PDB file of N, CA and C in Angstrom:
ATOM      1  N   MET A   1      -6.631  -2.583 -13.219  1.00  0.00           N
ATOM      2  CA  MET A   1      -5.853  -2.295 -12.024  1.00  0.00           C
ATOM      3  C   MET A   1      -6.552  -1.185 -11.249  1.00  0.00           C
ATOM      4  N   CYS A   2      -6.534  -1.299  -9.975  1.00  0.00           N
ATOM      5  CA  CYS A   2      -7.142  -0.294  -9.118  1.00  0.00           C
ATOM      6  C   CYS A   2      -6.293   0.970  -9.142  1.00  0.00           C
ATOM      7  N   ARG A   3      -6.881   2.085  -9.435  1.00  0.00           N
ATOM      8  CA  ARG A   3      -6.126   3.336  -9.515  1.00  0.00           C
ATOM      9  C   ARG A   3      -5.556   3.766  -8.166  1.00  0.00           C
ATOM     10  N   ASN A   4      -6.169   3.337  -7.072  1.00  0.00           N
ATOM     11  CA  ASN A   4      -5.731   3.780  -5.758  1.00  0.00           C
ATOM     12  C   ASN A   4      -4.501   3.057  -5.249  1.00  0.00           C
ATOM     13  N   ILE A   5      -4.098   1.990  -5.887  1.00  0.00           N
ATOM     14  CA  ILE A   5      -2.919   1.266  -5.445  1.00  0.00           C
ATOM     15  C   ILE A   5      -1.718   1.834  -6.196  1.00  0.00           C
ATOM     16  N   THR A   6      -0.768   2.364  -5.455  1.00  0.00           N
ATOM     17  CA  THR A   6       0.400   2.974  -6.076  1.00  0.00           C
ATOM     18  C   THR A   6       1.571   2.002  -6.078  1.00  0.00           C
ATOM     19  N   THR A   7       2.536   2.287  -6.918  1.00  0.00           N
ATOM     20  CA  THR A   7       3.726   1.458  -7.028  1.00  0.00           C
ATOM     21  C   THR A   7       4.566   1.598  -5.765  1.00  0.00           C
ATOM     22  N   LEU A   8       4.926   0.478  -5.170  1.00  0.00           N
ATOM     23  CA  LEU A   8       5.745   0.489  -3.963  1.00  0.00           C
ATOM     24  C   LEU A   8       7.208   0.178  -4.261  1.00  0.00           C
ATOM     25  N   ARG A   9       7.469  -0.461  -5.364  1.00  0.00           N
ATOM     26  CA  ARG A   9       8.841  -0.811  -5.715  1.00  0.00           C
ATOM     27  C   ARG A   9       9.604   0.441  -6.126  1.00  0.00           C
ATOM     28  N   GLY A  10      10.769   0.616  -5.556  1.00  0.00           N
ATOM     29  CA  GLY A  10      11.630   1.723  -5.927  1.00  0.00           C
ATOM     30  C   GLY A  10      11.510   2.938  -5.032  1.00  0.00           C
ATOM     31  N   LEU A  11      10.689   2.855  -3.993  1.00  0.00           N
ATOM     32  CA  LEU A  11      10.573   3.982  -3.079  1.00  0.00           C
ATOM     33  C   LEU A  11      11.857   4.146  -2.284  1.00  0.00           C
ATOM     34  N   GLU A  12      12.183   5.383  -1.974  1.00  0.00           N
ATOM     35  CA  GLU A  12      13.311   5.689  -1.093  1.00  0.00           C
ATOM     36  C   GLU A  12      12.806   6.533   0.045  1.00  0.00           C
ATOM     37  N   PRO A  13      12.875   6.086   1.269  1.00  0.00           N
ATOM     38  CA  PRO A  13      13.285   4.759   1.698  1.00  0.00           C
ATOM     39  C   PRO A  13      12.273   3.712   1.237  1.00  0.00           C
ATOM     40  N   THR A  14      12.665   2.467   1.334  1.00  0.00           N
ATOM     41  CA  THR A  14      11.826   1.380   0.826  1.00  0.00           C
ATOM     42  C   THR A  14      10.453   1.375   1.498  1.00  0.00           C
ATOM     43  N   ALA A  15       9.512   0.728   0.842  1.00  0.00           N
ATOM     44  CA  ALA A  15       8.142   0.643   1.350  1.00  0.00           C
ATOM     45  C   ALA A  15       8.129   0.000   2.733  1.00  0.00           C
ATOM     46  N   THR A  16       7.338   0.574   3.605  1.00  0.00           N
ATOM     47  CA  THR A  16       7.220   0.050   4.964  1.00  0.00           C
ATOM     48  C   THR A  16       6.168  -1.055   5.000  1.00  0.00           C
ATOM     49  N   SER A  17       6.165  -1.811   6.076  1.00  0.00           N
ATOM     50  CA  SER A  17       5.153  -2.855   6.236  1.00  0.00           C
ATOM     51  C   SER A  17       3.754  -2.243   6.289  1.00  0.00           C
ATOM     52  N   THR A  18       3.629  -1.060   6.836  1.00  0.00           N
ATOM     53  CA  THR A  18       2.334  -0.374   6.889  1.00  0.00           C
ATOM     54  C   THR A  18       1.859  -0.006   5.487  1.00  0.00           C
ATOM     55  N   GLU A  19       2.760   0.481   4.655  1.00  0.00           N
ATOM     56  CA  GLU A  19       2.398   0.827   3.276  1.00  0.00           C
ATOM     57  C   GLU A  19       2.025  -0.412   2.475  1.00  0.00           C
ATOM     58  N   ILE A  20       2.755  -1.487   2.685  1.00  0.00           N
ATOM     59  CA  ILE A  20       2.459  -2.735   1.970  1.00  0.00           C
ATOM     60  C   ILE A  20       1.094  -3.265   2.396  1.00  0.00           C
ATOM     61  N   GLU A  21       0.815  -3.237   3.701  1.00  0.00           N
ATOM     62  CA  GLU A  21      -0.488  -3.707   4.171  1.00  0.00           C
ATOM     63  C   GLU A  21      -1.619  -2.820   3.658  1.00  0.00           C
ATOM     64  N   ALA A  22      -1.411  -1.514   3.611  1.00  0.00           N
ATOM     65  CA  ALA A  22      -2.438  -0.605   3.098  1.00  0.00           C
ATOM     66  C   ALA A  22      -2.759  -0.910   1.635  1.00  0.00           C
ATOM     67  N   ALA A  23      -1.732  -1.197   0.848  1.00  0.00           N
ATOM     68  CA  ALA A  23      -1.955  -1.550  -0.561  1.00  0.00           C
ATOM     69  C   ALA A  23      -2.701  -2.879  -0.665  1.00  0.00           C
ATOM     70  N   ALA A  24      -2.329  -3.837   0.177  1.00  0.00           N
ATOM     71  CA  ALA A  24      -3.012  -5.137   0.175  1.00  0.00           C
ATOM     72  C   ALA A  24      -4.475  -4.972   0.565  1.00  0.00           C
ATOM     73  N   ARG A  25      -4.720  -4.156   1.564  1.00  0.00           N
ATOM     74  CA  ARG A  25      -6.092  -3.910   2.026  1.00  0.00           C
ATOM     75  C   ARG A  25      -6.926  -3.258   0.920  1.00  0.00           C
ATOM     76  N   GLN A  26      -6.335  -2.294   0.217  1.00  0.00           N
ATOM     77  CA  GLN A  26      -7.047  -1.646  -0.884  1.00  0.00           C
ATOM     78  C   GLN A  26      -7.344  -2.641  -1.999  1.00  0.00           C
ATOM     79  N   TYR A  27      -6.394  -3.508  -2.297  1.00  0.00           N
ATOM     80  CA  TYR A  27      -6.592  -4.528  -3.324  1.00  0.00           C
ATOM     81  C   TYR A  27      -7.738  -5.468  -2.933  1.00  0.00           C
ATOM     82  N   VAL A  28      -7.725  -5.942  -1.696  1.00  0.00           N
ATOM     83  CA  VAL A  28      -8.772  -6.865  -1.248  1.00  0.00           C
ATOM     84  C   VAL A  28     -10.134  -6.173  -1.270  1.00  0.00           C
ATOM     85  N   ARG A  29     -10.184  -4.909  -0.873  1.00  0.00           N
ATOM     86  CA  ARG A  29     -11.456  -4.164  -0.952  1.00  0.00           C
ATOM     87  C   ARG A  29     -11.967  -4.126  -2.383  1.00  0.00           C
ATOM     88  N   LYS A  30     -11.073  -3.850  -3.307  1.00  0.00           N
ATOM     89  CA  LYS A  30     -11.458  -3.712  -4.710  1.00  0.00           C
ATOM     90  C   LYS A  30     -11.971  -5.025  -5.284  1.00  0.00           C
ATOM     91  N   VAL A  31     -11.202  -6.097  -5.116  1.00  0.00           N
ATOM     92  CA  VAL A  31     -11.598  -7.357  -5.754  1.00  0.00           C
ATOM     93  C   VAL A  31     -12.779  -8.028  -5.058  1.00  0.00           C
ATOM     94  N   SER A  32     -12.943  -7.775  -3.750  1.00  0.00           N
ATOM     95  CA  SER A  32     -14.038  -8.416  -3.024  1.00  0.00           C
ATOM     96  C   SER A  32     -15.318  -7.592  -3.038  1.00  0.00           C
ATOM     97  N   GLY A  33     -15.186  -6.294  -3.252  1.00  0.00           N
ATOM     98  CA  GLY A  33     -16.357  -5.429  -3.171  1.00  0.00           C
ATOM     99  C   GLY A  33     -16.763  -5.134  -1.735  1.00  0.00           C
ATOM    100  N   VAL A  34     -15.939  -5.532  -0.773  1.00  0.00           N
ATOM    101  CA  VAL A  34     -16.220  -5.308   0.646  1.00  0.00           C
ATOM    102  C   VAL A  34     -15.487  -4.051   1.082  1.00  0.00           C
ATOM    103  N   GLN A  35     -16.221  -2.996   1.378  1.00  0.00           N
ATOM    104  CA  GLN A  35     -15.606  -1.744   1.817  1.00  0.00           C
ATOM    105  C   GLN A  35     -15.440  -1.691   3.331  1.00  0.00           C
ATOM    106  N   SER A  36     -16.388  -2.264   4.052  1.00  0.00           N
ATOM    107  CA  SER A  36     -16.259  -2.382   5.502  1.00  0.00           C
ATOM    108  C   SER A  36     -16.718  -3.783   5.876  1.00  0.00           C
ATOM    109  N   THR A  37     -15.958  -4.415   6.734  1.00  0.00           N
ATOM    110  CA  THR A  37     -16.239  -5.808   7.057  1.00  0.00           C
ATOM    111  C   THR A  37     -17.399  -5.931   8.043  1.00  0.00           C
ATOM    112  N   SER A  38     -18.020  -7.079   7.982  1.00  0.00           N
ATOM    113  CA  SER A  38     -19.068  -7.456   8.925  1.00  0.00           C
ATOM    114  C   SER A  38     -18.597  -8.749   9.587  1.00  0.00           C
ATOM    115  N   PRO A  39     -19.288  -9.216  10.593  1.00  0.00           N
ATOM    116  CA  PRO A  39     -18.885 -10.496  11.193  1.00  0.00           C
ATOM    117  C   PRO A  39     -18.820 -11.638  10.167  1.00  0.00           C
ATOM    118  N   ALA A  40     -19.645 -11.560   9.138  1.00  0.00           N
ATOM    119  CA  ALA A  40     -19.669 -12.620   8.124  1.00  0.00           C
ATOM    120  C   ALA A  40     -18.477 -12.545   7.167  1.00  0.00           C
ATOM    121  N   THR A  41     -17.874 -11.362   7.013  1.00  0.00           N
ATOM    122  CA  THR A  41     -16.793 -11.205   6.031  1.00  0.00           C
ATOM    123  C   THR A  41     -15.425 -10.937   6.652  1.00  0.00           C
ATOM    124  N   GLU A  42     -15.370 -10.589   7.924  1.00  0.00           N
ATOM    125  CA  GLU A  42     -14.124 -10.123   8.532  1.00  0.00           C
ATOM    126  C   GLU A  42     -12.996 -11.146   8.487  1.00  0.00           C
ATOM    127  N   ALA A  43     -13.252 -12.375   8.859  1.00  0.00           N
ATOM    128  CA  ALA A  43     -12.178 -13.381   8.909  1.00  0.00           C
ATOM    129  C   ALA A  43     -11.584 -13.623   7.525  1.00  0.00           C
ATOM    130  N   ALA A  44     -12.426 -13.810   6.527  1.00  0.00           N
ATOM    131  CA  ALA A  44     -11.935 -14.060   5.167  1.00  0.00           C
ATOM    132  C   ALA A  44     -11.195 -12.842   4.637  1.00  0.00           C
ATOM    133  N   PHE A  45     -11.720 -11.660   4.915  1.00  0.00           N
ATOM    134  CA  PHE A  45     -11.100 -10.420   4.460  1.00  0.00           C
ATOM    135  C   PHE A  45      -9.706 -10.273   5.065  1.00  0.00           C
ATOM    136  N   GLU A  46      -9.578 -10.462   6.363  1.00  0.00           N
ATOM    137  CA  GLU A  46      -8.289 -10.300   7.037  1.00  0.00           C
ATOM    138  C   GLU A  46      -7.285 -11.373   6.607  1.00  0.00           C
ATOM    139  N   ARG A  47      -7.750 -12.594   6.363  1.00  0.00           N
ATOM    140  CA  ARG A  47      -6.845 -13.642   5.851  1.00  0.00           C
ATOM    141  C   ARG A  47      -6.305 -13.246   4.487  1.00  0.00           C
ATOM    142  N   ALA A  48      -7.168 -12.704   3.643  1.00  0.00           N
ATOM    143  CA  ALA A  48      -6.735 -12.276   2.307  1.00  0.00           C
ATOM    144  C   ALA A  48      -5.732 -11.132   2.415  1.00  0.00           C
ATOM    145  N   VAL A  49      -5.990 -10.170   3.270  1.00  0.00           N
ATOM    146  CA  VAL A  49      -5.056  -9.050   3.460  1.00  0.00           C
ATOM    147  C   VAL A  49      -3.708  -9.590   3.925  1.00  0.00           C
ATOM    148  N   PHE A  50      -3.710 -10.498   4.886  1.00  0.00           N
ATOM    149  CA  PHE A  50      -2.467 -11.076   5.396  1.00  0.00           C
ATOM    150  C   PHE A  50      -1.709 -11.785   4.274  1.00  0.00           C
ATOM    151  N   SER A  51      -2.392 -12.613   3.507  1.00  0.00           N
ATOM    152  CA  SER A  51      -1.744 -13.365   2.426  1.00  0.00           C
ATOM    153  C   SER A  51      -1.150 -12.439   1.376  1.00  0.00           C
ATOM    154  N   ILE A  52      -1.887 -11.421   0.997  1.00  0.00           N
ATOM    155  CA  ILE A  52      -1.406 -10.509  -0.037  1.00  0.00           C
ATOM    156  C   ILE A  52      -0.272  -9.644   0.495  1.00  0.00           C
ATOM    157  N   THR A  53      -0.340  -9.270   1.762  1.00  0.00           N
ATOM    158  CA  THR A  53       0.766  -8.521   2.374  1.00  0.00           C
ATOM    159  C   THR A  53       2.041  -9.349   2.337  1.00  0.00           C
ATOM    160  N   GLN A  54       1.947 -10.618   2.703  1.00  0.00           N
ATOM    161  CA  GLN A  54       3.120 -11.496   2.698  1.00  0.00           C
ATOM    162  C   GLN A  54       3.659 -11.678   1.279  1.00  0.00           C
ATOM    163  N   ALA A  55       2.768 -11.916   0.324  1.00  0.00           N
ATOM    164  CA  ALA A  55       3.192 -12.109  -1.067  1.00  0.00           C
ATOM    165  C   ALA A  55       3.842 -10.844  -1.624  1.00  0.00           C
ATOM    166  N   THR A  56       3.293  -9.684  -1.294  1.00  0.00           N
ATOM    167  CA  THR A  56       3.845  -8.419  -1.779  1.00  0.00           C
ATOM    168  C   THR A  56       5.221  -8.153  -1.174  1.00  0.00           C
ATOM    169  N   THR A  57       5.362  -8.431   0.116  1.00  0.00           N
ATOM    170  CA  THR A  57       6.651  -8.253   0.784  1.00  0.00           C
ATOM    171  C   THR A  57       7.713  -9.114   0.121  1.00  0.00           C
ATOM    172  N   LEU A  58       7.381 -10.365  -0.150  1.00  0.00           N
ATOM    173  CA  LEU A  58       8.303 -11.288  -0.812  1.00  0.00           C
ATOM    174  C   LEU A  58       8.632 -10.804  -2.227  1.00  0.00           C
ATOM    175  N   LEU A  59       7.623 -10.384  -2.962  1.00  0.00           N
ATOM    176  CA  LEU A  59       7.825  -9.898  -4.324  1.00  0.00           C
ATOM    177  C   LEU A  59       8.770  -8.704  -4.344  1.00  0.00           C
ATOM    178  N   LEU A  60       8.520  -7.721  -3.483  1.00  0.00           N
ATOM    179  CA  LEU A  60       9.367  -6.526  -3.463  1.00  0.00           C
ATOM    180  C   LEU A  60      10.802  -6.859  -3.074  1.00  0.00           C
ATOM    181  N   ALA A  61      10.976  -7.838  -2.199  1.00  0.00           N
ATOM    182  CA  ALA A  61      12.325  -8.235  -1.782  1.00  0.00           C
ATOM    183  C   ALA A  61      13.080  -8.938  -2.903  1.00  0.00           C
ATOM    184  N   GLU A  62      12.364  -9.638  -3.772  1.00  0.00           N
ATOM    185  CA  GLU A  62      13.011 -10.438  -4.808  1.00  0.00           C
ATOM    186  C   GLU A  62      13.221  -9.703  -6.129  1.00  0.00           C
ATOM    187  N   LEU A  63      12.506  -8.614  -6.356  1.00  0.00           N
ATOM    188  CA  LEU A  63      12.658  -7.885  -7.612  1.00  0.00           C
ATOM    189  C   LEU A  63      13.933  -7.052  -7.591  1.00  0.00           C
ATOM    190  N   PRO A  64      14.557  -6.858  -8.757  1.00  0.00           N
ATOM    191  CA  PRO A  64      15.738  -5.987  -8.801  1.00  0.00           C
ATOM    192  C   PRO A  64      15.319  -4.535  -8.562  1.00  0.00           C
ATOM    193  N   PRO A  65      16.263  -3.693  -8.168  1.00  0.00           N
ATOM    194  CA  PRO A  65      15.928  -2.285  -7.928  1.00  0.00           C
ATOM    195  C   PRO A  65      15.438  -1.603  -9.201  1.00  0.00           C
ATOM    196  N   ARG A  66      14.608  -0.601  -9.024  1.00  0.00           N
ATOM    197  CA  ARG A  66      14.153   0.213 -10.156  1.00  0.00           C
ATOM    198  C   ARG A  66      15.217   1.239 -10.491  1.00  0.00           C
ATOM    199  N   ARG A  67      15.257   1.641 -11.736  1.00  0.00           N
ATOM    200  CA  ARG A  67      16.210   2.676 -12.154  1.00  0.00           C
ATOM    201  C   ARG A  67      15.699   4.068 -11.832  1.00  0.00           C
ATOM    202  N   GLN A  68      14.378   4.191 -11.769  1.00  0.00           N
ATOM    203  CA  GLN A  68      13.762   5.475 -11.438  1.00  0.00           C
ATOM    204  C   GLN A  68      12.731   5.237 -10.348  1.00  0.00           C
ATOM    205  N   PRO A  69      12.508   6.217  -9.494  1.00  0.00           N
ATOM    206  CA  PRO A  69      11.464   6.060  -8.484  1.00  0.00           C
ATOM    207  C   PRO A  69      10.088   6.024  -9.142  1.00  0.00           C
ATOM    208  N   PRO A  70       9.100   5.477  -8.455  1.00  0.00           N
ATOM    209  CA  PRO A  70       7.753   5.456  -9.027  1.00  0.00           C
ATOM    210  C   PRO A  70       7.229   6.884  -9.214  1.00  0.00           C
ATOM    211  N   PRO A  71       6.293   7.068 -10.152  1.00  0.00           N
ATOM    212  CA  PRO A  71       5.828   8.418 -10.478  1.00  0.00           C
ATOM    213  C   PRO A  71       4.999   9.093  -9.390  1.00  0.00           C
ATOM    214  N   THR A  72       4.386   8.317  -8.503  1.00  0.00           N
ATOM    215  CA  THR A  72       3.556   8.910  -7.452  1.00  0.00           C
ATOM    216  C   THR A  72       3.933   8.326  -6.097  1.00  0.00           C
ATOM    217  N   LEU A  73       3.663   9.083  -5.063  1.00  0.00           N
ATOM    218  CA  LEU A  73       3.897   8.610  -3.701  1.00  0.00           C
ATOM    219  C   LEU A  73       2.696   7.806  -3.215  1.00  0.00           C
ATOM    220  N   PRO A  74       2.925   6.794  -2.377  1.00  0.00           N
ATOM    221  CA  PRO A  74       1.803   6.083  -1.767  1.00  0.00           C
ATOM    222  C   PRO A  74       1.003   7.039  -0.869  1.00  0.00           C
ATOM    223  N   PRO A  75      -0.276   6.753  -0.639  1.00  0.00           N
ATOM    224  CA  PRO A  75      -1.121   7.656   0.145  1.00  0.00           C
ATOM    225  C   PRO A  75      -0.544   8.030   1.513  1.00  0.00           C
ATOM    226  N   LEU A  76       0.061   7.094   2.221  1.00  0.00           N
ATOM    227  CA  LEU A  76       0.601   7.417   3.543  1.00  0.00           C
ATOM    228  C   LEU A  76       1.735   8.428   3.446  1.00  0.00           C
ATOM    229  N   ARG A  77       2.513   8.367   2.397  1.00  0.00           N
ATOM    230  CA  ARG A  77       3.606   9.336   2.218  1.00  0.00           C
ATOM    231  C   ARG A  77       3.083  10.672   1.727  1.00  0.00           C
ATOM    232  N   ARG A  78       1.977  10.664   0.981  1.00  0.00           N
ATOM    233  CA  ARG A  78       1.393  11.928   0.519  1.00  0.00           C
ATOM    234  C   ARG A  78       0.964  12.767   1.716  1.00  0.00           C
ATOM    235  N   ARG A  79       0.334  12.105   2.703  1.00  0.00           N
ATOM    236  CA  ARG A  79      -0.105  12.824   3.905  1.00  0.00           C
ATOM    237  C   ARG A  79       1.094  13.431   4.630  1.00  0.00           C
ATOM    238  N   ALA A  80       2.153  12.643   4.787  1.00  0.00           N
ATOM    239  CA  ALA A  80       3.349  13.129   5.494  1.00  0.00           C
ATOM    240  C   ALA A  80       3.996  14.278   4.714  1.00  0.00           C
ATOM    241  N   ALA A  81       4.052  14.157   3.393  1.00  0.00           N
ATOM    242  CA  ALA A  81       4.646  15.218   2.570  1.00  0.00           C
ATOM    243  C   ALA A  81       3.826  16.495   2.664  1.00  0.00           C
ATOM    244  N   ALA A  82       2.509  16.355   2.658  1.00  0.00           N
ATOM    245  CA  ALA A  82       1.641  17.530   2.765  1.00  0.00           C
ATOM    246  C   ALA A  82       1.801  18.187   4.129  1.00  0.00           C
ATOM    247  N   ALA A  83       1.900  17.391   5.175  1.00  0.00           N
ATOM    248  CA  ALA A  83       2.088  17.936   6.527  1.00  0.00           C
ATOM    249  C   ALA A  83       3.443  18.638   6.632  1.00  0.00           C
ATOM    250  N   ALA A  84       4.465  18.056   6.057  1.00  0.00           N
ATOM    251  CA  ALA A  84       5.798  18.672   6.097  1.00  0.00           C
ATOM    252  C   ALA A  84       5.800  19.985   5.319  1.00  0.00           C
ATOM    253  N   ALA A  85       5.096  20.031   4.190  1.00  0.00           N
ATOM    254  CA  ALA A  85       5.035  21.254   3.390  1.00  0.00           C
ATOM    255  C   ALA A  85       4.283  22.349   4.145  1.00  0.00           C
ATOM    256  N   THR A  86       3.254  21.974   4.884  1.00  0.00           N
ATOM    257  CA  THR A  86       2.497  22.944   5.665  1.00  0.00           C
ATOM    258  C   THR A  86       3.356  23.531   6.784  1.00  0.00           C
ATOM    259  N   VAL A  87       4.124  22.671   7.434  1.00  0.00           N
ATOM    260  CA  VAL A  87       4.982  23.128   8.522  1.00  0.00           C
ATOM    261  C   VAL A  87       6.089  24.025   7.977  1.00  0.00           C
ATOM    262  N   THR A  88       6.667  23.667   6.836  1.00  0.00           N
ATOM    263  CA  THR A  88       7.740  24.434   6.238  1.00  0.00           C
ATOM    264  C   THR A  88       7.257  25.811   5.786  1.00  0.00           C
ATOM    265  N   VAL A  89       6.080  25.852   5.156  1.00  0.00           N
ATOM    266  CA  VAL A  89       5.549  27.096   4.624  1.00  0.00           C
ATOM    267  C   VAL A  89       5.084  27.999   5.758  1.00  0.00           C
ATOM    268  N   GLY A  90       4.416  27.404   6.767  1.00  0.00           N
ATOM    269  CA  GLY A  90       3.796  28.193   7.840  1.00  0.00           C
ATOM    270  C   GLY A  90       4.714  28.639   8.834  1.00  0.00           C
TER     271      GLY A  90
END
């Protein structure tokens, strides 16, 4: 499993479409070995991201709620939390 993909199920508030797409994009990067697309890889890469985003959205909607929140925040929420902590402290 890719260490950079965090658990999205059980987040409060629930995972956003942006967070789901970011996780899908990271997954496709990992399994394909494509870090930045070229004209030769872009269409296939984006189709895979779209498919995995849709599958993940469906999966999260169909799974029962978690009893505990996931142990780590997704990267997009980490940035927001860090920014909020900076504003609060400063």
